[in-house]
Protein backbone atom coordinates (compact mmCIF):
# COMPACT_ATOMS: atom_id res chain seq x y z
CA GLY A 1 0.00 0.00 0.00
CA VAL A 2 2.38 2.72 1.22
CA TYR A 3 5.19 1.58 -1.05
CA ALA A 4 3.04 1.56 -4.19
CA THR A 5 1.43 4.87 -3.28
CA THR A 6 4.83 6.48 -2.75
CA LEU A 7 6.11 5.19 -6.09
CA TYR A 8 3.01 6.45 -7.86
CA ALA A 9 3.31 9.85 -6.15
CA LEU A 10 6.95 10.13 -7.26
CA SER A 11 6.32 8.89 -10.80
CA PRO A 12 5.68 12.35 -12.35
CA ILE A 13 9.08 13.48 -11.08
CA LEU A 14 10.82 10.29 -12.19
CA ARG A 15 9.19 10.47 -15.63
CA THR A 16 10.61 13.92 -16.37
CA LEU A 17 14.13 13.45 -14.98
CA THR A 18 15.90 12.81 -18.29
CA GLN A 19 13.84 14.87 -20.73
CA THR A 20 16.81 17.13 -21.49
CA ILE A 21 19.22 14.21 -22.00
CA SER A 22 19.54 12.66 -25.45
CA ASP A 23 18.47 9.08 -26.15
CA ASP A 24 22.05 8.12 -27.08
CA THR A 25 23.35 9.32 -23.73
CA VAL A 26 20.65 7.44 -21.83
CA THR A 27 21.44 4.30 -23.83
CA ALA A 28 25.18 4.60 -23.15
CA MET A 29 24.62 5.22 -19.45
CA THR A 30 22.23 2.27 -19.27
CA ILE A 31 24.78 -0.08 -20.83
CA ALA A 32 27.59 1.25 -18.63
CA PHE A 33 25.67 0.98 -15.37
CA LEU A 34 24.17 -2.43 -16.15
CA SER A 35 27.69 -3.64 -16.88
CA LEU A 36 28.79 -2.17 -13.55
CA HIS A 37 25.91 -4.00 -11.88
CA LEU A 38 26.96 -7.32 -13.39
CA LEU A 39 30.62 -6.81 -12.48
CA LEU A 40 30.06 -5.74 -8.87
CA HIS A 41 27.05 -7.87 -7.91
CA ASP A 42 27.61 -9.91 -4.75
CA TYR A 43 27.12 -13.41 -6.16
CA ARG A 44 28.30 -15.01 -2.88
CA PHE A 45 25.31 -13.64 -0.95
CA VAL A 46 22.79 -16.17 -2.27
CA ASN A 47 25.14 -19.14 -2.01
CA SER A 48 26.56 -18.53 1.47
CA ALA A 49 24.82 -19.03 4.78
CA ASP A 50 26.90 -16.49 6.67
CA ALA A 51 27.79 -13.82 4.10
CA ALA A 52 26.44 -10.32 4.60
CA PHE A 53 25.17 -8.46 1.56
CA ALA A 54 28.05 -6.44 0.09
CA GLY A 55 26.56 -5.36 -3.23
CA SER A 56 25.43 -1.83 -2.50
CA VAL A 57 27.26 -0.30 -5.48
CA SER A 58 25.75 -2.94 -7.74
CA LEU A 59 22.28 -2.33 -6.32
CA ASN A 60 22.62 1.44 -6.77
CA ALA A 61 23.78 0.98 -10.37
CA ALA A 62 20.80 -1.24 -11.13
CA MET A 63 18.36 1.18 -9.53
CA PHE A 64 19.91 4.10 -11.42
CA VAL A 65 19.36 2.22 -14.69
CA SER A 66 15.76 1.62 -13.66
CA VAL A 67 15.28 5.34 -13.07
CA LEU A 68 16.87 6.10 -16.46
CA LEU A 69 14.64 3.67 -18.31
CA SER A 70 11.48 4.53 -16.42
CA SER A 71 12.03 8.22 -17.16
CA ARG A 72 11.51 7.35 -20.83
CA SER A 73 8.11 5.75 -20.16
CA SER A 74 4.93 7.21 -21.58
CA SER A 75 2.80 7.36 -18.43
CA ASN A 76 3.11 7.67 -14.69
CA VAL A 77 1.63 4.21 -14.22
CA HIS A 78 4.37 2.69 -16.38
CA VAL A 79 7.01 4.51 -14.35
CA ALA A 80 5.59 3.28 -11.05
CA LEU A 81 5.29 -0.30 -12.32
CA LEU A 82 8.83 -0.36 -13.73
CA MET A 83 10.30 1.02 -10.51
CA CYS A 84 8.30 -1.50 -8.46
CA LEU A 85 9.59 -4.32 -10.65
CA ALA A 86 13.15 -3.01 -10.32
CA VAL A 87 12.98 -2.97 -6.52
CA GLU A 88 11.56 -6.49 -6.50
CA THR A 89 14.17 -7.77 -8.95
CA PHE A 90 17.32 -6.08 -7.74
CA ALA A 91 16.71 -5.52 -4.01
CA LEU A 92 14.26 -8.15 -2.80
CA ALA A 93 14.82 -11.17 -5.06
CA PRO A 94 18.40 -11.94 -3.89
CA ARG A 95 17.19 -12.09 -0.29
CA VAL A 96 14.28 -14.37 -1.22
CA TYR A 97 16.54 -16.63 -3.31
CA ARG A 98 18.97 -16.87 -0.39
CA ARG A 99 16.24 -17.95 2.03
CA ILE A 100 14.94 -20.50 -0.48
CA ARG A 101 18.44 -21.88 -1.06
CA LEU A 102 19.12 -22.20 2.67
CA ALA A 103 15.82 -24.05 3.10
CA SER A 104 16.09 -26.44 0.15
CA MET A 105 18.44 -26.92 -2.78
CA ARG A 106 15.64 -28.52 -4.79
CA ALA A 107 13.33 -25.55 -4.22
CA HIS A 108 16.19 -23.23 -5.18
CA ALA A 109 16.73 -25.13 -8.44
CA VAL A 110 13.01 -25.02 -9.27
CA THR A 111 12.82 -21.30 -8.45
CA THR A 112 15.87 -20.53 -10.57
CA PHE A 113 14.49 -22.53 -13.48
CA ALA A 114 11.13 -20.75 -13.20
CA ALA A 115 12.83 -17.35 -13.08
CA VAL A 116 14.84 -18.12 -16.21
CA LEU A 117 11.68 -19.16 -18.06
């Protein structure tokens, strides 16, 4: 409730953030920051029982890309939905996958397979 309402309230601001920036620049920044996300992501977090999450730079890069891409959306609803999906994918999913993996390797394999599909 509060989370979705906040995202929807901020969506007009997020949608207009990059209006003065060219499409080529947004594309280049998206590629650069997604590459940074892939390089710096804490892959040990999901596979280790005692590792603390150390991927804050990676998470910030991924969220920045989400803001860049959502600012090119056509409506406030699209912006809010894309940002919600980004938070779920980049911030919440690694924690859920870790809990699933610690509970059951089979469940982790099924979840990973379903996510890839």
